[in-house]
Amino acid sequence: MILDLGSMYEAAPSGHLELCSEPLARNAGIAKISLKYPWVSAGDALLFLEGWEMAGQYARNTSDTLRKETAQSSTDDPAIATE
């Protein structure tokens, strides 16, 4: 089974290329689920990756929402705003 797990390298802040942890984690997840369920097909692995993407999007949205709520509450509270 061959799946595109994403770019294996990403640019570091220094400009040098370094291994990207996300495709390595995806690969490890597929390997783990394949050991637990040896009958996993390529379609099953694609569903696993889709779930991975959806979970990542949820985490990013939740993080953004919490950050916005925190920023909003600090501007609404005069005691915080004056500090």
N, C-alpha and C. Protein backbone atom coordinates (compact mmCIF):
# COMPACT_ATOMS: atom_id res chain seq x y z
N MET A 1 0.85 -1.17 0.00
CA MET A 1 0.00 0.00 0.00
C MET A 1 0.90 1.24 0.00
N ILE A 2 0.66 2.16 -0.93
CA ILE A 2 1.42 3.40 -1.01
C ILE A 2 0.46 4.57 -0.82
N LEU A 3 0.75 5.38 0.19
CA LEU A 3 -0.07 6.55 0.49
C LEU A 3 0.82 7.77 0.57
N ASP A 4 0.31 8.89 0.13
CA ASP A 4 1.03 10.16 0.26
C ASP A 4 0.80 10.67 1.67
N LEU A 5 1.85 10.68 2.47
CA LEU A 5 1.73 11.11 3.86
C LEU A 5 2.16 12.55 4.04
N GLY A 6 2.54 13.22 2.97
CA GLY A 6 2.98 14.60 3.06
C GLY A 6 4.48 14.71 2.89
N SER A 7 4.95 15.92 2.88
CA SER A 7 6.36 16.20 2.69
C SER A 7 7.18 15.66 3.86
N MET A 8 8.29 15.02 3.56
CA MET A 8 9.14 14.46 4.61
C MET A 8 10.05 15.52 5.22
N TYR A 9 10.21 16.66 4.55
CA TYR A 9 11.09 17.71 5.05
C TYR A 9 10.34 19.03 5.08
N GLU A 10 10.75 19.89 6.00
CA GLU A 10 10.20 21.23 6.08
C GLU A 10 11.34 22.20 6.39
N ALA A 11 11.13 23.45 6.05
CA ALA A 11 12.15 24.45 6.30
C ALA A 11 12.14 24.85 7.78
N ALA A 12 13.31 24.77 8.39
CA ALA A 12 13.46 25.20 9.78
C ALA A 12 13.57 26.73 9.80
N PRO A 13 13.39 27.36 10.95
CA PRO A 13 13.55 28.82 11.03
C PRO A 13 14.92 29.30 10.52
N SER A 14 15.92 28.42 10.62
CA SER A 14 17.25 28.77 10.12
C SER A 14 17.34 28.72 8.60
N GLY A 15 16.31 28.15 7.96
CA GLY A 15 16.31 28.01 6.51
C GLY A 15 16.77 26.64 6.04
N HIS A 16 17.33 25.85 6.93
CA HIS A 16 17.77 24.50 6.59
C HIS A 16 16.57 23.56 6.60
N LEU A 17 16.69 22.47 5.83
CA LEU A 17 15.63 21.47 5.82
C LEU A 17 15.80 20.53 7.00
N GLU A 18 14.68 20.15 7.60
CA GLU A 18 14.69 19.17 8.68
C GLU A 18 13.53 18.22 8.48
N LEU A 19 13.63 17.05 9.09
CA LEU A 19 12.54 16.08 8.99
C LEU A 19 11.25 16.67 9.55
N CYS A 20 10.18 16.46 8.85
CA CYS A 20 8.86 16.92 9.28
C CYS A 20 8.24 15.81 10.13
N SER A 21 7.81 16.14 11.32
CA SER A 21 7.30 15.13 12.24
C SER A 21 5.91 14.62 11.87
N GLU A 22 5.12 15.41 11.17
CA GLU A 22 3.75 15.00 10.88
C GLU A 22 3.65 13.74 10.02
N PRO A 23 4.36 13.65 8.88
CA PRO A 23 4.25 12.41 8.10
C PRO A 23 4.82 11.20 8.85
N LEU A 24 5.84 11.43 9.68
CA LEU A 24 6.39 10.33 10.48
C LEU A 24 5.34 9.83 11.47
N ALA A 25 4.61 10.76 12.08
CA ALA A 25 3.55 10.38 13.03
C ALA A 25 2.41 9.67 12.30
N ARG A 26 2.06 10.16 11.11
CA ARG A 26 1.00 9.49 10.32
C ARG A 26 1.41 8.06 10.01
N ASN A 27 2.66 7.90 9.57
CA ASN A 27 3.17 6.58 9.22
C ASN A 27 3.16 5.66 10.44
N ALA A 28 3.57 6.18 11.58
CA ALA A 28 3.56 5.39 12.82
C ALA A 28 2.14 4.99 13.19
N GLY A 29 1.18 5.90 13.00
CA GLY A 29 -0.21 5.59 13.30
C GLY A 29 -0.76 4.50 12.40
N ILE A 30 -0.44 4.57 11.12
CA ILE A 30 -0.89 3.53 10.18
C ILE A 30 -0.23 2.20 10.52
N ALA A 31 1.06 2.23 10.86
CA ALA A 31 1.75 0.99 11.24
C ALA A 31 1.11 0.38 12.48
N LYS A 32 0.78 1.21 13.46
CA LYS A 32 0.19 0.71 14.70
C LYS A 32 -1.19 0.10 14.45
N ILE A 33 -2.01 0.79 13.66
CA ILE A 33 -3.35 0.27 13.39
C ILE A 33 -3.27 -0.99 12.51
N SER A 34 -2.25 -1.05 11.63
CA SER A 34 -2.08 -2.24 10.79
C SER A 34 -1.66 -3.45 11.61
N LEU A 35 -0.88 -3.22 12.68
CA LEU A 35 -0.51 -4.33 13.56
C LEU A 35 -1.71 -4.82 14.36
N LYS A 36 -2.52 -3.88 14.80
CA LYS A 36 -3.69 -4.24 15.60
C LYS A 36 -4.76 -4.91 14.74
N TYR A 37 -4.91 -4.43 13.51
CA TYR A 37 -5.90 -4.96 12.56
C TYR A 37 -5.19 -5.32 11.26
N PRO A 38 -4.63 -6.52 11.16
CA PRO A 38 -3.82 -6.89 9.99
C PRO A 38 -4.58 -6.85 8.66
N TRP A 39 -5.89 -6.84 8.68
CA TRP A 39 -6.69 -6.83 7.45
C TRP A 39 -6.93 -5.42 6.92
N VAL A 40 -6.30 -4.41 7.51
CA VAL A 40 -6.49 -3.01 7.08
C VAL A 40 -6.15 -2.87 5.59
N SER A 41 -7.05 -2.24 4.86
CA SER A 41 -6.84 -2.00 3.43
C SER A 41 -6.34 -0.57 3.22
N ALA A 42 -6.00 -0.28 1.98
CA ALA A 42 -5.59 1.09 1.64
C ALA A 42 -6.74 2.06 1.91
N GLY A 43 -7.97 1.63 1.66
CA GLY A 43 -9.14 2.48 1.93
C GLY A 43 -9.28 2.77 3.42
N ASP A 44 -9.01 1.75 4.24
CA ASP A 44 -9.06 1.95 5.69
C ASP A 44 -8.00 2.96 6.13
N ALA A 45 -6.82 2.84 5.55
CA ALA A 45 -5.73 3.77 5.89
C ALA A 45 -6.09 5.19 5.46
N LEU A 46 -6.76 5.33 4.33
CA LEU A 46 -7.19 6.66 3.90
C LEU A 46 -8.21 7.24 4.89
N LEU A 47 -9.11 6.42 5.39
CA LEU A 47 -10.06 6.88 6.40
C LEU A 47 -9.32 7.30 7.68
N PHE A 48 -8.31 6.54 8.06
CA PHE A 48 -7.49 6.89 9.21
C PHE A 48 -6.86 8.27 9.00
N LEU A 49 -6.29 8.48 7.80
CA LEU A 49 -5.66 9.78 7.50
C LEU A 49 -6.68 10.91 7.47
N GLU A 50 -7.88 10.63 6.99
CA GLU A 50 -8.94 11.64 6.98
C GLU A 50 -9.30 12.04 8.41
N GLY A 51 -9.39 11.04 9.28
CA GLY A 51 -9.64 11.32 10.69
C GLY A 51 -8.51 12.13 11.31
N TRP A 52 -7.29 11.81 10.92
CA TRP A 52 -6.11 12.55 11.40
C TRP A 52 -6.25 14.03 11.01
N GLU A 53 -6.59 14.27 9.76
CA GLU A 53 -6.74 15.65 9.27
C GLU A 53 -7.87 16.38 9.99
N MET A 54 -8.99 15.68 10.18
CA MET A 54 -10.13 16.30 10.86
C MET A 54 -9.79 16.63 12.31
N ALA A 55 -9.06 15.74 12.98
CA ALA A 55 -8.66 16.00 14.37
C ALA A 55 -7.71 17.20 14.44
N GLY A 56 -6.80 17.29 13.48
CA GLY A 56 -5.88 18.42 13.45
C GLY A 56 -6.61 19.74 13.22
N GLN A 57 -7.58 19.72 12.33
CA GLN A 57 -8.37 20.93 12.06
C GLN A 57 -9.17 21.33 13.29
N TYR A 58 -9.75 20.35 13.97
CA TYR A 58 -10.50 20.62 15.19
C TYR A 58 -9.59 21.24 16.25
N ALA A 59 -8.41 20.67 16.41
CA ALA A 59 -7.47 21.20 17.41
C ALA A 59 -7.06 22.63 17.07
N ARG A 60 -6.81 22.91 15.79
CA ARG A 60 -6.44 24.28 15.39
C ARG A 60 -7.59 25.24 15.63
N ASN A 61 -8.81 24.83 15.28
CA ASN A 61 -9.98 25.70 15.50
C ASN A 61 -10.22 25.95 16.98
N THR A 62 -10.10 24.90 17.79
CA THR A 62 -10.29 25.04 19.22
C THR A 62 -9.24 25.97 19.81
N SER A 63 -8.01 25.80 19.38
CA SER A 63 -6.91 26.65 19.87
C SER A 63 -7.15 28.10 19.49
N ASP A 64 -7.55 28.35 18.24
CA ASP A 64 -7.83 29.72 17.78
C ASP A 64 -8.98 30.33 18.56
N THR A 65 -10.04 29.54 18.80
CA THR A 65 -11.21 30.03 19.53
C THR A 65 -10.82 30.40 20.96
N LEU A 66 -10.06 29.54 21.63
CA LEU A 66 -9.64 29.82 23.00
C LEU A 66 -8.76 31.06 23.06
N ARG A 67 -7.87 31.21 22.08
CA ARG A 67 -6.98 32.37 22.03
C ARG A 67 -7.80 33.65 21.85
N LYS A 68 -8.80 33.61 20.98
CA LYS A 68 -9.65 34.79 20.74
C LYS A 68 -10.48 35.11 21.97
N GLU A 69 -11.03 34.07 22.63
CA GLU A 69 -11.83 34.30 23.83
C GLU A 69 -10.98 34.89 24.95
N THR A 70 -9.76 34.41 25.09
CA THR A 70 -8.86 34.93 26.12
C THR A 70 -8.52 36.39 25.84
N ALA A 71 -8.22 36.69 24.58
CA ALA A 71 -7.91 38.07 24.21
C ALA A 71 -9.11 38.97 24.43
N GLN A 72 -10.30 38.50 24.07
CA GLN A 72 -11.52 39.29 24.24
C GLN A 72 -11.81 39.53 25.71
N SER A 73 -11.67 38.49 26.56
CA SER A 73 -11.96 38.66 27.98
C SER A 73 -10.96 39.59 28.64
N SER A 74 -9.74 39.63 28.17
CA SER A 74 -8.75 40.53 28.77
C SER A 74 -9.04 41.99 28.39
N THR A 75 -9.64 42.24 27.24
CA THR A 75 -9.99 43.61 26.87
C THR A 75 -11.31 44.03 27.49
N ASP A 76 -12.17 43.06 27.87
CA ASP A 76 -13.45 43.36 28.51
C ASP A 76 -13.29 43.67 29.99
N ASP A 77 -12.25 43.18 30.62
CA ASP A 77 -12.05 43.34 32.05
C ASP A 77 -11.15 44.56 32.31
N PRO A 78 -11.70 45.64 32.84
CA PRO A 78 -10.91 46.86 33.06
C PRO A 78 -9.70 46.62 33.97
N ALA A 79 -9.82 45.71 34.92
CA ALA A 79 -8.70 45.44 35.82
C ALA A 79 -7.52 44.83 35.05
N ILE A 80 -7.80 43.97 34.09
CA ILE A 80 -6.76 43.37 33.29
C ILE A 80 -6.22 44.37 32.28
N ALA A 81 -7.09 45.14 31.69
CA ALA A 81 -6.69 46.09 30.65
C ALA A 81 -5.74 47.16 31.19
N THR A 82 -5.85 47.52 32.47
CA THR A 82 -5.02 48.59 33.02
C THR A 82 -3.68 48.09 33.52
N GLU A 83 -3.52 46.76 33.63
CA GLU A 83 -2.25 46.23 34.15
C GLU A 83 -1.16 46.30 33.14
